[in-house]
C-alpha atoms as a PDB file:
ATOM      1  CA  MET A   1      -9.210  69.894 -26.703  1.00  0.00           C
ATOM      2  CA  ARG A   2      -5.623  71.272 -26.237  1.00  0.00           C
ATOM      3  CA  ASP A   3      -5.402  69.591 -22.791  1.00  0.00           C
ATOM      4  CA  LEU A   4      -6.268  66.337 -24.253  1.00  0.00           C
ATOM      5  CA  TRP A   5      -3.648  66.505 -26.922  1.00  0.00           C
ATOM      6  CA  ALA A   6      -1.064  67.623 -24.200  1.00  0.00           C
ATOM      7  CA  ALA A   7      -2.100  64.729 -22.059  1.00  0.00           C
ATOM      8  CA  LEU A   8      -1.738  62.175 -24.928  1.00  0.00           C
ATOM      9  CA  CYS A   9       1.627  63.622 -25.811  1.00  0.00           C
ATOM     10  CA  LEU A  10       2.746  63.059 -22.121  1.00  0.00           C
ATOM     11  CA  VAL A  11       1.518  59.609 -22.183  1.00  0.00           C
ATOM     12  CA  ALA A  12       3.876  58.955 -25.163  1.00  0.00           C
ATOM     13  CA  VAL A  13       6.738  60.607 -23.519  1.00  0.00           C
ATOM     14  CA  ILE A  14       6.381  58.563 -20.312  1.00  0.00           C
ATOM     15  CA  GLU A  15       5.968  55.308 -22.294  1.00  0.00           C
ATOM     16  CA  GLY A  16       8.904  56.102 -24.476  1.00  0.00           C
ATOM     17  CA  LEU A  17      10.950  56.880 -21.378  1.00  0.00           C
ATOM     18  CA  PHE A  18      10.268  53.431 -19.920  1.00  0.00           C
ATOM     19  CA  LEU A  19      11.180  51.724 -23.241  1.00  0.00           C
ATOM     20  CA  PHE A  20      14.387  53.907 -23.437  1.00  0.00           C
ATOM     21  CA  ALA A  21      15.399  53.619 -19.774  1.00  0.00           C
ATOM     22  CA  ALA A  22      14.695  50.034 -19.045  1.00  0.00           C
ATOM     23  CA  PRO A  23      13.921  47.938 -22.110  1.00  0.00           C
ATOM     24  CA  ALA A  24      14.861  44.637 -20.484  1.00  0.00           C
ATOM     25  CA  ALA A  25      12.488  45.309 -17.584  1.00  0.00           C
ATOM     26  CA  TRP A  26       9.685  46.316 -20.042  1.00  0.00           C
ATOM     27  CA  LYS A  27      10.080  43.095 -21.991  1.00  0.00           C
ATOM     28  CA  ARG A  28       9.927  41.068 -18.778  1.00  0.00           C
ATOM     29  CA  THR A  29       6.782  42.885 -17.695  1.00  0.00           C
ATOM     30  CA  ALA A  30       5.180  42.346 -21.115  1.00  0.00           C
ATOM     31  CA  ALA A  31       6.036  38.574 -21.056  1.00  0.00           C
ATOM     32  CA  GLN A  32       4.494  38.334 -17.625  1.00  0.00           C
ATOM     33  CA  MET A  33       1.277  40.031 -18.837  1.00  0.00           C
ATOM     34  CA  LEU A  34       1.042  37.342 -21.590  1.00  0.00           C
ATOM     35  CA  THR A  35       0.656  34.662 -18.812  1.00  0.00           C
ATOM     36  CA  LEU A  36      -2.333  36.478 -17.306  1.00  0.00           C
ATOM     37  CA  THR A  37      -5.946  35.729 -18.109  1.00  0.00           C
ATOM     38  CA  ASP A  38      -8.034  38.355 -19.869  1.00  0.00           C
ATOM     39  CA  ALA A  39      -9.943  38.896 -16.599  1.00  0.00           C
ATOM     40  CA  GLN A  40      -6.624  39.515 -14.763  1.00  0.00           C
ATOM     41  CA  VAL A  41      -5.410  42.031 -17.336  1.00  0.00           C
ATOM     42  CA  ARG A  42      -8.779  43.766 -17.198  1.00  0.00           C
ATOM     43  CA  ARG A  43      -8.501  44.078 -13.474  1.00  0.00           C
ATOM     44  CA  VAL A  44      -4.939  45.525 -13.724  1.00  0.00           C
ATOM     45  CA  GLY A  45      -6.215  47.861 -16.349  1.00  0.00           C
ATOM     46  CA  GLY A  46      -9.113  49.007 -14.126  1.00  0.00           C
ATOM     47  CA  VAL A  47      -6.801  49.529 -11.157  1.00  0.00           C
ATOM     48  CA  VAL A  48      -4.421  51.652 -13.230  1.00  0.00           C
ATOM     49  CA  LEU A  49      -7.438  53.560 -14.768  1.00  0.00           C
ATOM     50  CA  LEU A  50      -8.832  54.319 -11.295  1.00  0.00           C
ATOM     51  CA  LEU A  51      -5.416  55.364  -9.846  1.00  0.00           C
ATOM     52  CA  GLY A  52      -4.959  57.623 -12.866  1.00  0.00           C
ATOM     53  CA  LEU A  53      -8.361  59.249 -12.457  1.00  0.00           C
ATOM     54  CA  LEU A  54      -7.656  59.707  -8.653  1.00  0.00           C
ATOM     55  CA  ALA A  55      -4.328  61.239  -9.401  1.00  0.00           C
ATOM     56  CA  LEU A  56      -5.837  63.578 -12.113  1.00  0.00           C
ATOM     57  CA  TRP A  57      -8.590  64.649  -9.571  1.00  0.00           C
ATOM     58  CA  LEU A  58      -5.983  65.433  -6.831  1.00  0.00           C
ATOM     59  CA  VAL A  59      -3.757  67.279  -9.282  1.00  0.00           C
ATOM     60  CA  ARG A  60      -6.446  69.274 -10.999  1.00  0.00           C
ATOM     61  CA  GLY A  61      -8.469  69.963  -7.932  1.00  0.00           C
ATOM     62  CA  SER A  62     -12.108  68.780  -7.178  1.00  0.00           C
ATOM     63  CA  GLY A  63     -13.709  71.788  -8.543  1.00  0.00           C
END
């Protein structure tokens, strides 16, 4: 459970870093996301999810 909380905190740090370091780029990206269909956003989310799981598997090891 401790690892889950640490991971969630790290997500907040990374998202905050994007907002702090490049607010204009973040706004442009958010505006572009609004022009996509729900299916396209879902696909983007699925790709990000799979890449995150793959990265986690590589970092943590397969066993």
